Amino acid sequence: MGRVAPHKMVPTEPAADLSVGDSVIDSDDDDPDEAIVIDIPAGATLEDWEYETDSGTATAADGNPNYPADAQLVVIVFRSALAETVPDWQEIDPEELAEKADHAGIKQYGFPTGRLERIEPGAMAAEWLDGLADRFADAGWTVTQDDTELTVEQFDEEYRITADGTVEGEGEYRTPLENIVEMERS
């Protein structure tokens, strides 16, 4: 687990428009996982975030050579680890989120602001809906999609399909839709 060492530098850039609790992805990763910002330590830079490797102690600056060492430090955890370990994390006061994650033993990562891209919460979990939307559109359904859900309509029946696979709506197509969603997710 990483930790913030005594400040060695002063950040030359602000934490952009990120806030504690924001959902983010690593923009340098070709296959990113959703993460949650748990801390933006005032005055802390990449040079201040230390973690252990097989070769010894390293800093976030060492792991991010394409970013300035004096970039503002942003601390994240993966959403899946946070949700699994601290199920009520969304109800926790943002000032307490880092402490709760630390107490739960969740691995934390230090990133430069410029490497993180804010996303809609749950958007990564909803990526599978893209293929489903195409399937329904090809079959003649009217499809409306946002980051975390899909609405499909045909013959005056409307159904909402959420990122977790829930099918909402009443009508003769509900059971077949639930079966299609189950197949798509497996």
C-alpha atoms as a PDB file:
ATOM      1  CA  MET A   1       0.000   0.000   0.000  1.00  0.00           C
ATOM      2  CA  GLY A   2       1.242   3.475  -0.811  1.00  0.00           C
ATOM      3  CA  ARG A   3       1.663   6.364   1.561  1.00  0.00           C
ATOM      4  CA  VAL A   4       2.288  10.081   1.391  1.00  0.00           C
ATOM      5  CA  ALA A   5       5.796  10.977   2.551  1.00  0.00           C
ATOM      6  CA  PRO A   6       6.720  14.418   3.876  1.00  0.00           C
ATOM      7  CA  HIS A   7       6.354  16.968   1.082  1.00  0.00           C
ATOM      8  CA  LYS A   8       9.402  17.258  -1.109  1.00  0.00           C
ATOM      9  CA  MET A   9       7.893  19.714  -3.619  1.00  0.00           C
ATOM     10  CA  VAL A  10       4.884  21.961  -4.108  1.00  0.00           C
ATOM     11  CA  PRO A  11       2.399  20.963  -6.844  1.00  0.00           C
ATOM     12  CA  THR A  12       2.619  23.113  -9.959  1.00  0.00           C
ATOM     13  CA  GLU A  13      -0.882  22.183 -11.116  1.00  0.00           C
ATOM     14  CA  PRO A  14      -4.232  21.954  -9.343  1.00  0.00           C
ATOM     15  CA  ALA A  15      -6.246  18.738  -9.116  1.00  0.00           C
ATOM     16  CA  ALA A  16      -8.174  19.848 -12.214  1.00  0.00           C
ATOM     17  CA  ASP A  17     -11.849  19.285 -11.712  1.00  0.00           C
ATOM     18  CA  LEU A  18     -11.549  16.081  -9.704  1.00  0.00           C
ATOM     19  CA  SER A  19     -13.124  15.627  -6.285  1.00  0.00           C
ATOM     20  CA  VAL A  20     -13.049  12.909  -3.660  1.00  0.00           C
ATOM     21  CA  GLY A  21     -15.677  10.313  -4.601  1.00  0.00           C
ATOM     22  CA  ASP A  22     -15.372  10.844  -8.376  1.00  0.00           C
ATOM     23  CA  SER A  23     -15.283   7.819 -10.663  1.00  0.00           C
ATOM     24  CA  VAL A  24     -12.194   7.851 -12.879  1.00  0.00           C
ATOM     25  CA  ILE A  25     -10.190   5.712 -15.268  1.00  0.00           C
ATOM     26  CA  ASP A  26      -6.489   5.661 -16.095  1.00  0.00           C
ATOM     27  CA  SER A  27      -6.349   7.369 -19.493  1.00  0.00           C
ATOM     28  CA  ASP A  28      -2.977   5.726 -20.207  1.00  0.00           C
ATOM     29  CA  ASP A  29      -4.452   2.202 -19.841  1.00  0.00           C
ATOM     30  CA  ASP A  30      -5.872   0.454 -22.935  1.00  0.00           C
ATOM     31  CA  ASP A  31      -8.212  -1.637 -20.758  1.00  0.00           C
ATOM     32  CA  PRO A  32      -8.908   0.475 -17.662  1.00  0.00           C
ATOM     33  CA  ASP A  33     -10.959  -0.439 -14.621  1.00  0.00           C
ATOM     34  CA  GLU A  34     -13.145   2.047 -12.815  1.00  0.00           C
ATOM     35  CA  ALA A  35     -11.498   3.659  -9.810  1.00  0.00           C
ATOM     36  CA  ILE A  36     -12.648   6.086  -7.129  1.00  0.00           C
ATOM     37  CA  VAL A  37     -10.766   9.186  -5.999  1.00  0.00           C
ATOM     38  CA  ILE A  38     -10.355   8.826  -2.225  1.00  0.00           C
ATOM     39  CA  ASP A  39      -7.950  11.667  -1.527  1.00  0.00           C
ATOM     40  CA  ILE A  40      -6.352  14.714  -3.105  1.00  0.00           C
ATOM     41  CA  PRO A  41      -3.809  15.592  -0.409  1.00  0.00           C
ATOM     42  CA  ALA A  42      -3.270  19.348  -0.337  1.00  0.00           C
ATOM     43  CA  GLY A  43       0.245  20.232  -1.389  1.00  0.00           C
ATOM     44  CA  ALA A  44       1.239  16.617  -2.166  1.00  0.00           C
ATOM     45  CA  THR A  45       2.995  15.740  -5.433  1.00  0.00           C
ATOM     46  CA  LEU A  46       3.881  12.524  -7.262  1.00  0.00           C
ATOM     47  CA  GLU A  47       7.263  12.669  -5.579  1.00  0.00           C
ATOM     48  CA  ASP A  48       5.497  12.404  -2.186  1.00  0.00           C
ATOM     49  CA  TRP A  49       3.661   9.112  -2.895  1.00  0.00           C
ATOM     50  CA  GLU A  50       5.843   6.166  -1.930  1.00  0.00           C
ATOM     51  CA  TYR A  51       5.213   2.458  -2.322  1.00  0.00           C
ATOM     52  CA  GLU A  52       7.251  -0.720  -2.061  1.00  0.00           C
ATOM     53  CA  THR A  53       8.400  -2.747  -5.050  1.00  0.00           C
ATOM     54  CA  ASP A  54      10.609  -5.816  -5.336  1.00  0.00           C
ATOM     55  CA  SER A  55      13.509  -3.395  -5.894  1.00  0.00           C
ATOM     56  CA  GLY A  56      12.738  -1.196  -2.874  1.00  0.00           C
ATOM     57  CA  THR A  57      10.865   2.035  -2.337  1.00  0.00           C
ATOM     58  CA  ALA A  58       9.560   3.895  -5.398  1.00  0.00           C
ATOM     59  CA  THR A  59       7.486   7.036  -5.864  1.00  0.00           C
ATOM     60  CA  ALA A  60       4.541   7.810  -8.106  1.00  0.00           C
ATOM     61  CA  ALA A  61       6.946  10.108  -9.978  1.00  0.00           C
ATOM     62  CA  ASP A  62       9.129   7.059 -10.735  1.00  0.00           C
ATOM     63  CA  GLY A  63       6.088   5.198 -12.097  1.00  0.00           C
ATOM     64  CA  ASN A  64       4.895   8.144 -14.170  1.00  0.00           C
ATOM     65  CA  PRO A  65       7.970   9.426 -16.045  1.00  0.00           C
ATOM     66  CA  ASN A  66       5.789  11.147 -18.668  1.00  0.00           C
ATOM     67  CA  TYR A  67       4.300  13.454 -16.028  1.00  0.00           C
ATOM     68  CA  PRO A  68       6.019  16.155 -13.988  1.00  0.00           C
ATOM     69  CA  ALA A  69       7.249  14.953 -10.582  1.00  0.00           C
ATOM     70  CA  ASP A  70       5.659  18.035  -9.065  1.00  0.00           C
ATOM     71  CA  ALA A  71       2.178  17.216 -10.450  1.00  0.00           C
ATOM     72  CA  GLN A  72      -0.659  17.193  -7.903  1.00  0.00           C
ATOM     73  CA  LEU A  73      -1.088  13.766  -6.325  1.00  0.00           C
ATOM     74  CA  VAL A  74      -4.489  12.069  -6.573  1.00  0.00           C
ATOM     75  CA  VAL A  75      -5.046   8.863  -4.564  1.00  0.00           C
ATOM     76  CA  ILE A  76      -7.421   6.252  -5.981  1.00  0.00           C
ATOM     77  CA  VAL A  77      -8.693   2.751  -5.230  1.00  0.00           C
ATOM     78  CA  PHE A  78     -10.431   0.390  -7.603  1.00  0.00           C
ATOM     79  CA  ARG A  79     -14.214   0.652  -7.343  1.00  0.00           C
ATOM     80  CA  SER A  80     -14.644  -3.140  -7.160  1.00  0.00           C
ATOM     81  CA  ALA A  81     -12.303  -3.409  -4.142  1.00  0.00           C
ATOM     82  CA  LEU A  82     -13.975  -0.485  -2.397  1.00  0.00           C
ATOM     83  CA  ALA A  83     -17.511  -1.773  -3.028  1.00  0.00           C
ATOM     84  CA  GLU A  84     -16.570  -5.268  -1.861  1.00  0.00           C
ATOM     85  CA  THR A  85     -14.829  -4.118   1.332  1.00  0.00           C
ATOM     86  CA  VAL A  86     -16.779  -0.976   2.232  1.00  0.00           C
ATOM     87  CA  PRO A  87     -20.286  -1.585   0.790  1.00  0.00           C
ATOM     88  CA  ASP A  88     -21.677   1.720   2.083  1.00  0.00           C
ATOM     89  CA  TRP A  89     -18.762   3.772   0.711  1.00  0.00           C
ATOM     90  CA  GLN A  90     -21.067   6.087  -1.272  1.00  0.00           C
ATOM     91  CA  GLU A  91     -22.703   7.229   1.968  1.00  0.00           C
ATOM     92  CA  ILE A  92     -19.396   8.025   3.709  1.00  0.00           C
ATOM     93  CA  ASP A  93     -18.426  11.654   4.129  1.00  0.00           C
ATOM     94  CA  PRO A  94     -15.736  12.398   1.475  1.00  0.00           C
ATOM     95  CA  GLU A  95     -13.315  13.592   4.167  1.00  0.00           C
ATOM     96  CA  GLU A  96     -13.480  10.109   5.746  1.00  0.00           C
ATOM     97  CA  LEU A  97     -13.231   8.014   2.563  1.00  0.00           C
ATOM     98  CA  ALA A  98      -9.430   7.677   2.550  1.00  0.00           C
ATOM     99  CA  GLU A  99      -9.415   6.696   6.217  1.00  0.00           C
ATOM    100  CA  LYS A 100     -12.116   4.035   5.671  1.00  0.00           C
ATOM    101  CA  ALA A 101     -10.261   2.615   2.651  1.00  0.00           C
ATOM    102  CA  ASP A 102      -7.007   2.576   4.607  1.00  0.00           C
ATOM    103  CA  HIS A 103      -8.652   0.911   7.614  1.00  0.00           C
ATOM    104  CA  ALA A 104     -10.177  -1.737   5.298  1.00  0.00           C
ATOM    105  CA  GLY A 105      -6.708  -2.509   3.875  1.00  0.00           C
ATOM    106  CA  ILE A 106      -7.633  -1.601   0.294  1.00  0.00           C
ATOM    107  CA  LYS A 107      -4.613  -1.105  -1.954  1.00  0.00           C
ATOM    108  CA  GLN A 108      -4.255   2.558  -2.889  1.00  0.00           C
ATOM    109  CA  TYR A 109      -2.534   4.087  -5.895  1.00  0.00           C
ATOM    110  CA  GLY A 110      -1.037   7.541  -6.445  1.00  0.00           C
ATOM    111  CA  PHE A 111      -1.670   9.155  -9.827  1.00  0.00           C
ATOM    112  CA  PRO A 112      -1.025  12.479 -11.502  1.00  0.00           C
ATOM    113  CA  THR A 113      -4.188  14.443 -12.211  1.00  0.00           C
ATOM    114  CA  GLY A 114      -3.467  14.487 -15.932  1.00  0.00           C
ATOM    115  CA  ARG A 115      -3.547  10.707 -16.148  1.00  0.00           C
ATOM    116  CA  LEU A 116      -7.075  10.378 -14.730  1.00  0.00           C
ATOM    117  CA  GLU A 117     -10.264  10.866 -16.705  1.00  0.00           C
ATOM    118  CA  ARG A 118     -13.555  11.357 -14.904  1.00  0.00           C
ATOM    119  CA  ILE A 119     -16.369   9.019 -15.985  1.00  0.00           C
ATOM    120  CA  GLU A 120     -19.984   8.505 -15.007  1.00  0.00           C
ATOM    121  CA  PRO A 121     -20.218   6.252 -11.935  1.00  0.00           C
ATOM    122  CA  GLY A 122     -20.794   2.675 -13.048  1.00  0.00           C
ATOM    123  CA  ALA A 123     -20.040   3.423 -16.710  1.00  0.00           C
ATOM    124  CA  MET A 124     -17.344   0.732 -16.935  1.00  0.00           C
ATOM    125  CA  ALA A 125     -19.720  -1.884 -15.537  1.00  0.00           C
ATOM    126  CA  ALA A 126     -22.231  -0.908 -18.242  1.00  0.00           C
ATOM    127  CA  GLU A 127     -19.952  -1.404 -21.263  1.00  0.00           C
ATOM    128  CA  TRP A 128     -21.616  -4.724 -22.036  1.00  0.00           C
ATOM    129  CA  LEU A 129     -24.789  -2.760 -22.814  1.00  0.00           C
ATOM    130  CA  ASP A 130     -23.186  -1.464 -26.039  1.00  0.00           C
ATOM    131  CA  GLY A 131     -23.388  -4.863 -27.732  1.00  0.00           C
ATOM    132  CA  LEU A 132     -26.885  -5.420 -26.414  1.00  0.00           C
ATOM    133  CA  ALA A 133     -28.011  -2.035 -27.782  1.00  0.00           C
ATOM    134  CA  ASP A 134     -26.723  -3.001 -31.237  1.00  0.00           C
ATOM    135  CA  ARG A 135     -28.554  -6.340 -31.072  1.00  0.00           C
ATOM    136  CA  PHE A 136     -31.859  -4.715 -30.205  1.00  0.00           C
ATOM    137  CA  ALA A 137     -31.462  -1.972 -32.825  1.00  0.00           C
ATOM    138  CA  ASP A 138     -30.722  -4.622 -35.487  1.00  0.00           C
ATOM    139  CA  ALA A 139     -33.897  -6.450 -34.425  1.00  0.00           C
ATOM    140  CA  GLY A 140     -36.009  -3.319 -34.968  1.00  0.00           C
ATOM    141  CA  TRP A 141     -36.369  -2.103 -31.374  1.00  0.00           C
ATOM    142  CA  THR A 142     -36.211   1.598 -30.566  1.00  0.00           C
ATOM    143  CA  VAL A 143     -33.106   1.945 -28.391  1.00  0.00           C
ATOM    144  CA  THR A 144     -32.073   4.776 -26.080  1.00  0.00           C
ATOM    145  CA  GLN A 145     -28.776   4.407 -24.245  1.00  0.00           C
ATOM    146  CA  ASP A 146     -26.892   6.417 -21.661  1.00  0.00           C
ATOM    147  CA  ASP A 147     -23.751   5.566 -19.706  1.00  0.00           C
ATOM    148  CA  THR A 148     -25.376   3.147 -17.263  1.00  0.00           C
ATOM    149  CA  GLU A 149     -28.636   1.900 -18.757  1.00  0.00           C
ATOM    150  CA  LEU A 150     -30.497   0.980 -21.896  1.00  0.00           C
ATOM    151  CA  THR A 151     -34.142   1.615 -22.721  1.00  0.00           C
ATOM    152  CA  VAL A 152     -35.707  -0.536 -25.432  1.00  0.00           C
ATOM    153  CA  GLU A 153     -39.177  -0.135 -26.899  1.00  0.00           C
ATOM    154  CA  GLN A 154     -41.275  -2.089 -29.343  1.00  0.00           C
ATOM    155  CA  PHE A 155     -45.027  -2.473 -29.870  1.00  0.00           C
ATOM    156  CA  ASP A 156     -45.807   0.140 -27.187  1.00  0.00           C
ATOM    157  CA  GLU A 157     -43.870  -1.812 -24.559  1.00  0.00           C
ATOM    158  CA  GLU A 158     -40.891  -0.154 -22.889  1.00  0.00           C
ATOM    159  CA  TYR A 159     -38.187  -1.863 -20.834  1.00  0.00           C
ATOM    160  CA  ARG A 160     -35.196  -0.478 -18.955  1.00  0.00           C
ATOM    161  CA  ILE A 161     -32.050  -2.603 -18.651  1.00  0.00           C
ATOM    162  CA  THR A 162     -29.518  -1.476 -16.058  1.00  0.00           C
ATOM    163  CA  ALA A 163     -25.769  -2.096 -15.842  1.00  0.00           C
ATOM    164  CA  ASP A 164     -26.300  -4.813 -13.235  1.00  0.00           C
ATOM    165  CA  GLY A 165     -28.567  -6.751 -15.640  1.00  0.00           C
ATOM    166  CA  THR A 166     -31.912  -5.833 -14.110  1.00  0.00           C
ATOM    167  CA  VAL A 167     -34.807  -5.678 -16.580  1.00  0.00           C
ATOM    168  CA  GLU A 168     -37.576  -3.292 -15.573  1.00  0.00           C
ATOM    169  CA  GLY A 169     -40.942  -3.050 -17.296  1.00  0.00           C
ATOM    170  CA  GLU A 170     -44.051  -5.138 -17.617  1.00  0.00           C
ATOM    171  CA  GLY A 171     -45.251  -6.961 -20.691  1.00  0.00           C
ATOM    172  CA  GLU A 172     -44.948 -10.101 -22.715  1.00  0.00           C
ATOM    173  CA  TYR A 173     -41.308  -9.438 -23.681  1.00  0.00           C
ATOM    174  CA  ARG A 174     -39.914  -9.153 -20.157  1.00  0.00           C
ATOM    175  CA  THR A 175     -38.989 -12.842 -19.720  1.00  0.00           C
ATOM    176  CA  PRO A 176     -37.374 -13.144 -23.167  1.00  0.00           C
ATOM    177  CA  LEU A 177     -35.448  -9.917 -22.466  1.00  0.00           C
ATOM    178  CA  GLU A 178     -34.245 -11.282 -19.124  1.00  0.00           C
ATOM    179  CA  ASN A 179     -33.038 -14.418 -20.932  1.00  0.00           C
ATOM    180  CA  ILE A 180     -31.190 -12.354 -23.551  1.00  0.00           C
ATOM    181  CA  VAL A 181     -29.573 -10.219 -20.836  1.00  0.00           C
ATOM    182  CA  GLU A 182     -28.493 -13.336 -18.935  1.00  0.00           C
ATOM    183  CA  MET A 183     -26.907 -14.804 -22.095  1.00  0.00           C
ATOM    184  CA  GLU A 184     -25.191 -11.506 -22.932  1.00  0.00           C
ATOM    185  CA  ARG A 185     -23.670 -11.202 -19.462  1.00  0.00           C
ATOM    186  CA  SER A 186     -22.392 -14.790 -19.217  1.00  0.00           C
END
